Amino acid sequence: MFVTRRDVPPTNNVCERLLRPSVIFRKVTNGFRSVWGCAVYADICSVMATGALQGLHALEAIRSCLAGRSVLNPA
């Protein structure tokens, strides 16, 4: 895709950098003890990362989701 579109990067370094904190957390804590805990952690990380891309602090992004508002349109 990057050959025909200039806006697509030729590597997936951005994705790997975004995944790195979760991988390190998993290694340091020796994994998750429940499927529920793993799912909650993944959801919270996703909300915080999306909020950061939209210019929101982590707490603002989480509050927005808990209030039923989209993190993509926090207004």
Protein backbone atom coordinates (compact mmCIF):
# COMPACT_ATOMS: atom_id res chain seq x y z
CA MET A 1 0.00 0.00 0.00
CA PHE A 2 2.84 2.46 0.81
CA VAL A 3 4.09 2.18 -2.80
CA THR A 4 0.93 3.74 -4.21
CA ARG A 5 0.03 6.03 -1.28
CA ARG A 6 2.53 8.53 0.10
CA ASP A 7 0.63 8.96 3.40
CA VAL A 8 1.09 5.30 4.42
CA PRO A 9 4.37 4.59 6.23
CA PRO A 10 6.51 1.71 4.87
CA THR A 11 6.91 0.11 8.33
CA ASN A 12 4.68 -0.71 11.29
CA ASN A 13 6.99 0.95 13.83
CA VAL A 14 4.19 3.20 15.09
CA CYS A 15 2.01 0.18 15.94
CA GLU A 16 4.88 -1.62 17.62
CA ARG A 17 5.72 1.44 19.72
CA LEU A 18 2.10 1.71 20.84
CA LEU A 19 2.03 -1.97 21.86
CA ARG A 20 5.32 -1.88 23.76
CA PRO A 21 3.98 -0.54 27.11
CA SER A 22 1.37 -3.31 27.25
CA VAL A 23 3.95 -5.98 26.51
CA ILE A 24 6.27 -4.62 29.19
CA PHE A 25 3.38 -4.48 31.68
CA ARG A 26 2.52 -8.10 30.92
CA LYS A 27 6.13 -9.20 31.39
CA VAL A 28 6.65 -7.25 34.64
CA THR A 29 3.39 -8.43 36.23
CA ASN A 30 3.82 -12.00 34.95
CA GLY A 31 0.59 -11.88 32.95
CA PHE A 32 -3.04 -11.50 33.90
CA ARG A 33 -4.81 -13.82 36.32
CA SER A 34 -8.23 -13.52 34.69
CA VAL A 35 -9.72 -12.93 31.28
CA TRP A 36 -11.80 -10.12 32.78
CA GLY A 37 -8.70 -8.29 34.05
CA CYS A 38 -7.00 -8.63 30.68
CA ALA A 39 -10.06 -7.27 28.86
CA VAL A 40 -10.42 -4.31 31.24
CA TYR A 41 -6.73 -3.44 30.89
CA ALA A 42 -6.96 -3.60 27.09
CA ASP A 43 -10.09 -1.43 27.05
CA ILE A 44 -8.57 1.21 29.32
CA CYS A 45 -5.34 1.30 27.30
CA SER A 46 -7.34 1.69 24.11
CA VAL A 47 -9.40 4.56 25.52
CA MET A 48 -6.31 6.33 26.84
CA ALA A 49 -4.39 5.92 23.56
CA THR A 50 -7.34 7.16 21.51
CA GLY A 51 -7.79 10.09 23.86
CA ALA A 52 -4.11 10.96 23.60
CA LEU A 53 -4.37 11.01 19.81
CA GLN A 54 -7.31 13.42 20.20
CA GLY A 55 -5.37 15.66 22.62
CA LEU A 56 -7.11 14.49 25.81
CA HIS A 57 -5.48 13.52 29.08
CA ALA A 58 -6.04 9.91 30.18
CA LEU A 59 -8.51 10.82 32.92
CA GLU A 60 -10.53 13.04 30.57
CA ALA A 61 -10.77 10.22 28.02
CA ILE A 62 -11.91 7.71 30.66
CA ARG A 63 -14.47 10.15 32.08
CA SER A 64 -15.79 10.80 28.59
CA CYS A 65 -16.34 7.08 28.01
CA LEU A 66 -17.94 6.54 31.41
CA ALA A 67 -20.33 9.41 30.65
CA GLY A 68 -21.35 7.71 27.41
CA ARG A 69 -19.60 10.21 25.13
CA SER A 70 -17.21 9.31 22.34
CA VAL A 71 -13.51 9.87 22.86
CA LEU A 72 -13.24 10.74 19.17
CA ASN A 73 -15.65 13.70 19.57
CA PRO A 74 -15.19 14.76 23.20
CA ALA A 75 -17.28 17.93 22.89
